[in-house]
């Protein structure tokens, strides 16, 4: 497991509990899909709870970054190629104590699994998200200066434009589509230069990755596109295809899949 082919498939997926997603068939789907890297957010488990072999899929190097609080947050990466280095701490909250950041470094490329805080539950939650946004913006600026490329797979908990959620009119005062949150993404794209890889190849409406469990949101495709892969500009020519897997439901989020014409090597 030292090298992948030049065609690379990367999945980003908020599991809303990796144990629950496994019971719903996520790892069976992963085995059939055979991605090169899978970035998971919201694992909601401690490593000692994941001793079953299914949580260490054959053919993959597995890295988990748990939150201190049990049953909360957490990230994971499953990678066919062994990372040469792994970073799990940025030196500030709410990242480090909640296992929200997991960076795997390869030759000239880093893949990051990131879980951005949700600001929808309370004023305190929104304030925590704003603190994260300010600090992470500076981190992104620092990443952009490095001599390597980055793919950031995340539940961003934020939609950028009207096309990214069905009920955009009624959600303009709700976290996930606030003017300040959308402006943050504008700055990441326009000032720092990161790119939303999905929109390079798919500019269609109704492409969502999260649906509320209330009402008939899933059945009627009343969703939000919260999960996507941000890339550095030099990777734009490598983007080949984008898809969202909705044939089965492993979580309230769907796996978001990107195909790149690049090689991951240790």
Protein backbone atom coordinates (compact mmCIF):
# COMPACT_ATOMS: atom_id res chain seq x y z
CA UNK A 1 0.00 0.00 0.00
CA UNK A 2 2.59 2.55 -1.04
CA UNK A 3 1.08 4.20 -4.07
CA UNK A 4 -2.31 4.82 -5.68
CA UNK A 5 -3.02 5.07 -9.40
CA UNK A 6 -3.25 8.48 -11.08
CA UNK A 7 -7.06 8.35 -10.84
CA UNK A 8 -7.98 9.12 -7.25
CA UNK A 9 -11.41 8.94 -5.64
CA UNK A 10 -11.94 10.87 -2.40
CA UNK A 11 -15.08 10.71 -0.25
CA UNK A 12 -16.25 13.19 2.39
CA UNK A 13 -18.99 11.94 4.73
CA UNK A 14 -20.61 13.15 7.94
CA UNK A 15 -21.57 9.84 9.55
CA UNK A 16 -23.63 11.30 12.43
CA UNK A 17 -22.13 8.44 14.44
CA UNK A 18 -19.75 6.00 12.72
CA UNK A 19 -21.24 3.05 14.60
CA UNK A 20 -24.76 3.96 13.46
CA UNK A 21 -23.56 4.46 9.87
CA UNK A 22 -21.84 1.07 9.93
CA UNK A 23 -25.11 -0.61 10.95
CA UNK A 24 -26.78 1.07 7.97
CA UNK A 25 -24.24 -0.39 5.55
CA UNK A 26 -21.68 2.38 5.12
CA UNK A 27 -18.63 0.11 5.20
CA UNK A 28 -20.24 -2.34 2.77
CA UNK A 29 -20.76 0.57 0.37
CA UNK A 30 -17.20 1.73 0.94
CA UNK A 31 -15.85 -1.72 0.06
CA UNK A 32 -17.87 -1.72 -3.18
CA UNK A 33 -16.96 1.88 -4.10
CA UNK A 34 -13.25 1.39 -3.27
CA UNK A 35 -12.25 5.05 -2.76
CA UNK A 36 -8.62 5.97 -2.21
CA UNK A 37 -9.33 8.25 0.76
CA UNK A 38 -12.42 8.57 2.94
CA UNK A 39 -12.76 11.56 5.28
CA UNK A 40 -15.39 11.11 7.99
CA UNK A 41 -16.82 13.76 10.28
CA UNK A 42 -18.88 13.36 13.43
CA UNK A 43 -17.69 9.88 14.34
CA UNK A 44 -19.24 10.28 17.82
CA UNK A 45 -17.06 7.52 19.27
CA UNK A 46 -13.87 6.90 21.22
CA UNK A 47 -11.19 4.72 19.68
CA UNK A 48 -11.68 2.04 22.37
CA UNK A 49 -15.29 1.68 21.15
CA UNK A 50 -14.11 0.92 17.61
CA UNK A 51 -12.20 -2.32 18.10
CA UNK A 52 -14.42 -4.29 15.70
CA UNK A 53 -12.56 -5.03 12.46
CA UNK A 54 -15.22 -3.21 10.41
CA UNK A 55 -13.91 0.09 11.80
CA UNK A 56 -10.46 -0.78 10.45
CA UNK A 57 -11.38 -1.73 6.86
CA UNK A 58 -9.05 -4.05 5.02
CA UNK A 59 -6.67 -2.29 2.65
CA UNK A 60 -6.80 1.04 4.48
CA UNK A 61 -4.68 2.86 7.00
CA UNK A 62 -7.11 4.21 9.63
CA UNK A 63 -6.68 7.34 11.72
CA UNK A 64 -9.23 8.51 14.30
CA UNK A 65 -9.27 11.86 16.11
CA UNK A 66 -11.74 11.68 18.99
CA UNK A 67 -13.40 14.44 20.96
CA UNK A 68 -12.77 14.46 24.70
CA UNK A 69 -16.53 14.40 25.26
CA UNK A 70 -17.97 10.95 24.63
CA UNK A 71 -20.47 10.50 21.80
CA UNK A 72 -19.63 13.87 20.27
CA UNK A 73 -17.92 15.28 17.17
CA UNK A 74 -14.70 13.51 16.08
CA UNK A 75 -13.09 12.87 12.69
CA UNK A 76 -11.49 9.96 10.85
CA UNK A 77 -9.52 9.24 7.68
CA UNK A 78 -9.28 5.90 5.87
CA UNK A 79 -6.45 5.96 3.33
CA UNK A 80 -5.05 3.34 0.96
CA UNK A 81 -1.67 5.05 1.12
CA UNK A 82 -0.06 5.42 4.52
CA UNK A 83 0.30 9.12 5.39
CA UNK A 84 3.85 10.26 6.01
CA UNK A 85 2.57 12.53 8.81
CA UNK A 86 -0.70 13.14 10.66
CA UNK A 87 -1.79 16.39 12.34
CA UNK A 88 -4.69 16.39 14.81
CA UNK A 89 -4.12 19.63 16.76
CA UNK A 90 -4.11 23.28 15.75
CA UNK A 91 -3.51 24.67 19.22
CA UNK A 92 -6.90 26.23 19.82
CA UNK A 93 -10.51 25.46 20.68
CA UNK A 94 -13.05 24.37 19.63
CA UNK A 95 -10.84 22.28 17.33
CA UNK A 96 -8.44 20.35 19.54
CA UNK A 97 -10.74 19.18 22.35
CA UNK A 98 -13.52 18.22 19.94
CA UNK A 99 -11.46 16.28 17.38
CA UNK A 100 -12.60 18.51 14.54
CA UNK A 101 -9.42 18.50 12.44
CA UNK A 102 -7.44 15.61 10.99
CA UNK A 103 -4.73 16.25 8.39
CA UNK A 104 -2.93 13.47 6.52
CA UNK A 105 0.22 14.47 4.66
CA UNK A 106 1.46 12.68 1.54
CA UNK A 107 4.11 13.59 -1.04
CA UNK A 108 3.24 17.18 -2.03
CA UNK A 109 -0.41 16.78 -1.00
CA UNK A 110 -2.41 16.93 2.23
CA UNK A 111 -5.97 15.68 2.71
CA UNK A 112 -7.93 17.08 5.66
CA UNK A 113 -11.09 15.83 7.35
CA UNK A 114 -12.77 18.81 8.99
CA UNK A 115 -15.95 19.21 11.03
CA UNK A 116 -17.01 22.88 11.25
CA UNK A 117 -19.19 23.65 14.29
CA UNK A 118 -22.90 24.08 13.74
CA UNK A 119 -24.33 27.37 14.94
CA UNK A 120 -27.99 26.43 14.70
CA UNK A 121 -28.82 25.17 18.21
CA UNK A 122 -28.30 28.34 20.27
CA UNK A 123 -26.68 31.77 20.46
CA UNK A 124 -23.75 30.17 22.29
CA UNK A 125 -23.33 27.63 19.48
CA UNK A 126 -23.35 30.41 16.89
CA UNK A 127 -20.75 32.35 18.86
CA UNK A 128 -18.56 29.24 18.99
CA UNK A 129 -18.89 28.89 15.23
CA UNK A 130 -17.91 32.52 14.65
CA UNK A 131 -14.81 32.06 16.83
CA UNK A 132 -13.92 28.98 14.79
CA UNK A 133 -14.47 30.84 11.52
CA UNK A 134 -12.11 33.66 12.47
CA UNK A 135 -9.32 31.35 13.64
CA UNK A 136 -9.70 28.84 10.82
CA UNK A 137 -9.58 31.59 8.21
CA UNK A 138 -6.08 32.44 9.40
CA UNK A 139 -5.16 28.76 9.36
CA UNK A 140 -6.35 28.50 5.74
CA UNK A 141 -4.26 31.54 4.87
CA UNK A 142 -1.22 29.82 6.40
CA UNK A 143 -1.92 26.57 4.52
CA UNK A 144 -2.11 28.45 1.23
CA UNK A 145 1.44 29.70 1.76
CA UNK A 146 2.86 26.18 2.08
CA UNK A 147 4.56 24.45 -0.83
CA UNK A 148 2.01 21.68 -1.10
CA UNK A 149 -1.54 21.19 -2.33
CA UNK A 150 -4.56 20.69 -0.07
CA UNK A 151 -7.93 18.93 -0.32
CA UNK A 152 -10.18 19.84 2.61
CA UNK A 153 -13.09 17.43 2.98
CA UNK A 154 -15.60 18.85 5.40
CA UNK A 155 -19.03 19.26 6.75
CA UNK A 156 -18.75 23.04 6.45
CA UNK A 157 -22.19 23.57 8.05
CA UNK A 158 -22.58 26.51 5.66
CA UNK A 159 -24.16 27.00 2.25
CA UNK A 160 -22.60 29.53 -0.07
CA UNK A 161 -25.27 30.54 -2.58
CA UNK A 162 -29.01 30.25 -3.14
CA UNK A 163 -28.43 27.24 -5.38
CA UNK A 164 -26.99 25.35 -2.41
CA UNK A 165 -30.21 24.93 -0.43
CA UNK A 166 -33.84 24.49 -1.40
CA UNK A 167 -35.47 26.95 1.00
CA UNK A 168 -32.93 29.75 0.77
CA UNK A 169 -35.43 32.58 1.20
CA UNK A 170 -36.69 31.38 4.58
CA UNK A 171 -33.20 30.50 5.87
CA UNK A 172 -31.41 33.82 5.42
CA UNK A 173 -31.63 34.50 9.17
CA UNK A 174 -30.68 30.96 10.20
CA UNK A 175 -27.18 29.68 10.89
CA UNK A 176 -25.84 27.87 7.86
CA UNK A 177 -26.97 30.62 5.51
CA UNK A 178 -26.35 33.84 7.43
CA UNK A 179 -24.77 36.75 5.53
CA UNK A 180 -21.68 36.54 7.79
CA UNK A 181 -21.25 32.82 7.08
CA UNK A 182 -21.65 33.27 3.34
CA UNK A 183 -19.20 36.20 3.38
CA UNK A 184 -16.68 33.93 5.15
CA UNK A 185 -16.84 31.52 2.21
CA UNK A 186 -16.55 34.45 -0.21
CA UNK A 187 -13.32 35.45 1.50
CA UNK A 188 -11.95 31.90 1.47
CA UNK A 189 -12.59 31.69 -2.27
CA UNK A 190 -11.82 35.24 -3.38
CA UNK A 191 -9.10 36.38 -0.96
CA UNK A 192 -7.23 33.18 -0.06
CA UNK A 193 -7.96 31.35 -3.32
CA UNK A 194 -9.39 27.99 -2.30
CA UNK A 195 -11.88 26.45 -4.75
CA UNK A 196 -15.11 24.47 -4.26
CA UNK A 197 -14.19 21.41 -6.34
CA UNK A 198 -17.79 20.23 -6.73
CA UNK A 199 -18.90 23.37 -8.56
CA UNK A 200 -16.07 23.06 -11.09
CA UNK A 201 -17.88 20.16 -12.75
CA UNK A 202 -21.46 20.38 -11.44
CA UNK A 203 -23.26 23.72 -11.49
CA UNK A 204 -26.77 22.27 -11.28
CA UNK A 205 -29.36 23.06 -8.57
CA UNK A 206 -30.85 20.50 -6.16
CA UNK A 207 -27.46 18.95 -5.34
CA UNK A 208 -27.72 18.49 -1.61
CA UNK A 209 -25.81 16.49 1.00
CA UNK A 210 -27.93 17.01 4.14
CA UNK A 211 -31.65 16.73 4.84
CA UNK A 212 -33.48 17.44 8.06
CA UNK A 213 -35.10 14.44 9.73
CA UNK A 214 -38.24 16.52 10.16
CA UNK A 215 -41.20 16.19 7.83
CA UNK A 216 -40.56 14.86 4.33
CA UNK A 217 -37.28 16.68 3.68
CA UNK A 218 -35.49 13.59 2.34
CA UNK A 219 -38.43 12.35 0.27
CA UNK A 220 -38.95 15.80 -1.27
CA UNK A 221 -35.23 16.61 -1.59
CA UNK A 222 -35.55 19.71 0.59
CA UNK A 223 -31.87 19.80 1.44
CA UNK A 224 -28.67 21.74 1.97
CA UNK A 225 -25.24 21.27 0.34
CA UNK A 226 -23.13 21.39 3.49
CA UNK A 227 -20.47 18.81 2.57
CA UNK A 228 -17.88 19.60 -0.08
CA UNK A 229 -14.19 19.43 -0.85
CA UNK A 230 -12.19 22.67 -1.02
CA UNK A 231 -8.97 22.50 -3.02
CA UNK A 232 -5.97 24.68 -3.75
CA UNK A 233 -6.00 26.29 -7.23
CA UNK A 234 -3.30 24.07 -8.79
CA UNK A 235 -5.59 21.06 -8.27
CA UNK A 236 -8.43 22.56 -10.34
CA UNK A 237 -7.23 20.93 -13.61
CA UNK A 238 -7.20 17.52 -11.90
CA UNK A 239 -10.94 17.54 -11.08
CA UNK A 240 -12.70 14.92 -13.21
CA UNK A 241 -16.10 14.18 -11.66
CA UNK A 242 -18.35 14.96 -8.70
CA UNK A 243 -21.24 13.00 -7.25
CA UNK A 244 -23.42 12.64 -4.17
CA UNK A 245 -24.47 9.12 -3.22
CA UNK A 246 -28.16 8.97 -2.31
CA UNK A 247 -29.23 5.46 -3.29
CA UNK A 248 -28.84 4.35 0.32
CA UNK A 249 -29.05 6.41 3.49
CA UNK A 250 -26.28 5.93 6.04
CA UNK A 251 -26.81 9.22 7.91
CA UNK A 252 -28.72 12.49 7.66
CA UNK A 253 -25.81 13.43 5.35
CA UNK A 254 -24.87 11.73 2.07
CA UNK A 255 -21.32 10.84 0.97
CA UNK A 256 -19.86 13.41 -1.42
CA UNK A 257 -17.45 11.88 -3.93
CA UNK A 258 -14.79 13.58 -6.04
CA UNK A 259 -12.63 12.00 -8.74
CA UNK A 260 -9.24 13.61 -9.33
CA UNK A 261 -6.61 12.94 -11.97
CA UNK A 262 -3.75 12.86 -9.49
CA UNK A 263 -1.55 10.40 -7.70
CA UNK A 264 -1.27 9.98 -3.94
CA UNK A 265 2.09 8.66 -2.85
CA UNK A 266 3.71 8.25 0.54
